[in-house]
Protein backbone atom coordinates (compact mmCIF):
# COMPACT_ATOMS: atom_id res chain seq x y z
CA MET A 1 6.43 -9.16 36.21
CA GLU A 2 4.80 -11.08 33.37
CA MET A 3 4.71 -14.60 31.92
CA ARG A 4 3.14 -16.51 29.03
CA ILE A 5 -0.18 -18.15 29.91
CA ASP A 6 0.91 -21.66 28.90
CA LYS A 7 4.02 -21.41 31.06
CA TYR A 8 2.01 -19.98 33.96
CA LEU A 9 -0.54 -22.80 33.85
CA TRP A 10 2.32 -25.30 33.93
CA THR A 11 4.22 -23.57 36.77
CA VAL A 12 1.15 -23.45 39.04
CA ARG A 13 0.43 -27.11 38.29
CA LEU A 14 -2.91 -26.73 36.52
CA TYR A 15 -1.44 -28.84 33.70
CA LYS A 16 1.14 -31.61 33.91
CA THR A 17 3.23 -30.36 30.98
CA ARG A 18 3.62 -27.05 29.22
CA ASN A 19 2.65 -28.74 25.97
CA LEU A 20 -0.72 -29.80 27.46
CA ALA A 21 -1.30 -26.22 28.64
CA ALA A 22 -0.52 -24.88 25.15
CA GLU A 23 -2.89 -27.42 23.56
CA ALA A 24 -5.67 -26.37 25.96
CA CYS A 25 -5.15 -22.76 24.87
CA LYS A 26 -5.30 -23.74 21.20
CA LYS A 27 -8.52 -25.67 21.78
CA GLY A 28 -10.16 -22.62 23.35
CA GLN A 29 -10.33 -24.01 26.90
CA ILE A 30 -8.43 -21.12 28.54
CA PHE A 31 -9.95 -17.67 28.97
CA ILE A 32 -8.50 -14.40 30.25
CA ALA A 33 -11.03 -11.65 30.90
CA LYS A 34 -13.71 -13.84 29.26
CA THR A 35 -11.84 -14.03 25.93
CA THR A 36 -9.98 -17.07 24.64
CA ALA A 37 -6.24 -16.95 25.17
CA LYS A 38 -3.52 -18.08 22.80
CA PRO A 39 -0.52 -19.85 24.38
CA SER A 40 1.66 -16.76 23.91
CA ARG A 41 -0.74 -14.42 25.75
CA ILE A 42 0.99 -12.57 28.58
CA VAL A 43 -0.58 -12.68 32.05
CA HIS A 44 -0.14 -10.13 34.81
CA ILE A 45 -0.86 -10.06 38.54
CA GLY A 46 -4.58 -9.61 39.14
CA ASN A 47 -5.74 -11.26 35.92
CA GLU A 48 -8.71 -13.64 36.08
CA ILE A 49 -8.07 -16.97 34.35
CA GLN A 50 -10.85 -19.41 33.50
CA VAL A 51 -10.07 -23.03 32.67
CA LYS A 52 -12.79 -25.05 30.96
CA ARG A 53 -12.71 -28.73 31.84
CA PRO A 54 -16.14 -29.93 30.75
CA PRO A 55 -18.63 -29.62 32.23
CA ILE A 56 -17.02 -27.28 34.79
CA LEU A 57 -15.52 -23.83 34.31
CA TYR A 58 -12.85 -23.21 36.94
CA SER A 59 -11.89 -19.61 37.78
CA PHE A 60 -8.58 -18.46 39.25
CA LYS A 61 -7.08 -15.10 40.17
CA ILE A 62 -3.35 -14.54 39.73
CA LEU A 63 -1.76 -13.35 42.98
CA GLN A 64 1.93 -13.57 41.98
CA ILE A 65 4.05 -14.64 39.02
CA PRO A 66 6.46 -17.48 39.89
CA THR A 67 10.01 -17.70 38.56
CA GLY A 68 9.86 -21.48 38.09
CA ARG A 69 7.66 -24.52 38.61
CA LEU A 70 6.12 -24.56 42.08
CA GLY A 71 5.73 -27.25 44.67
CA THR A 72 2.14 -28.17 45.43
CA LYS A 73 2.23 -26.50 48.86
CA LEU A 74 3.26 -23.14 47.36
CA VAL A 75 0.54 -22.92 44.70
CA ALA A 76 -1.91 -21.21 47.08
CA ASP A 77 0.49 -18.25 47.41
CA TYR A 78 0.45 -17.64 43.65
CA LEU A 79 -3.10 -18.58 42.64
CA GLN A 80 -6.52 -18.08 44.25
CA ASN A 81 -9.41 -20.37 43.31
CA THR A 82 -12.50 -18.22 42.66
CA THR A 83 -14.70 -20.92 41.12
CA THR A 84 -18.38 -20.29 41.80
CA PRO A 85 -20.17 -22.59 44.28
CA ASP A 86 -22.66 -23.78 41.65
CA GLN A 87 -19.78 -25.09 39.51
CA LEU A 88 -18.29 -26.92 42.50
CA GLN A 89 -21.72 -28.35 43.35
CA MET A 90 -21.97 -29.68 39.79
CA LEU A 91 -18.63 -31.44 40.31
CA GLU A 92 -19.94 -33.13 43.48
CA ILE A 93 -23.09 -34.26 41.66
CA LEU A 94 -20.97 -35.78 38.90
CA LYS A 95 -18.87 -37.68 41.45
CA ILE A 96 -21.99 -39.13 43.07
CA ASP A 97 -23.46 -40.04 39.69
CA GLN A 98 -20.31 -41.88 38.62
CA LYS A 99 -20.43 -44.03 41.75
CA ASN A 100 -23.97 -45.18 40.94
CA ASN A 101 -23.38 -46.10 37.31
CA ARG A 102 -22.04 -49.49 36.33
CA MET A 103 -18.78 -49.09 34.47
CA ARG A 104 -18.67 -50.39 30.92
CA GLY A 105 -16.67 -53.57 30.60
CA THR A 106 -16.98 -54.60 34.26
CA GLY A 107 -18.47 -57.92 33.28
CA ARG A 108 -21.68 -59.66 34.10
CA PRO A 109 -23.92 -58.54 36.97
CA THR A 110 -23.41 -60.13 40.34
CA LYS A 111 -26.01 -62.50 41.76
CA LYS A 112 -27.49 -59.71 43.89
CA GLU A 113 -27.67 -57.32 40.94
CA ARG A 114 -29.31 -60.01 38.81
CA ARG A 115 -31.93 -60.72 41.51
CA ASN A 116 -32.71 -57.03 41.84
CA LEU A 117 -33.10 -56.77 38.08
CA GLU A 118 -35.40 -59.81 37.98
CA GLU A 119 -37.53 -58.38 40.81
CA PHE A 120 -37.85 -55.14 38.90
CA ILE A 121 -38.87 -56.91 35.70
CA GLU A 122 -41.40 -59.18 37.48
CA GLU A 123 -43.13 -56.17 39.00
CA GLN A 124 -43.87 -54.69 35.57
CA PRO A 125 -47.49 -55.09 34.44
CA TYR A 126 -48.56 -57.39 31.64
CA PHE A 127 -48.99 -55.93 28.20
CA VAL A 128 -52.49 -56.47 26.76
CA ASP A 129 -53.03 -56.40 22.99
CA ASP A 130 -56.32 -57.48 21.36
CA GLY A 131 -57.34 -59.62 24.29
CA TRP A 132 -54.11 -61.64 24.39
CA GLU A 133 -52.02 -61.28 27.52
CA PHE A 134 -48.37 -62.03 27.61
CA PRO A 135 -45.59 -60.89 29.94
CA ILE A 136 -43.06 -58.35 28.80
CA LYS A 137 -39.75 -60.06 28.11
CA PHE A 138 -36.42 -58.32 27.76
């Protein structure tokens, strides 16, 4: 049995719509056997699919070809995730990093954040230039 790659990506729920799957193929984000795949490329059982969602490259092996869109519980019967551990570790690092960064547009710092910032600035040494000392101001 065979199926187009854009339809397959949609049926196994890697993309929300078939149009999004086709666009990903056109942008060069989908690979079959390490070559970019056009939306009309036919996939077979046993093919290795790679989906590039920066900065991670997910890898999947096709186990079966579905006849229609699958429920989320059935996806594991049709697709095997073979993503390397280093790629998954990079994903975890990104999640941790996003928690530590202040989101743009979240407003002014809280009182505690402001105090921590002031403590950090006060601990910086004075800048000396030609015998004149003055504190660094930001």
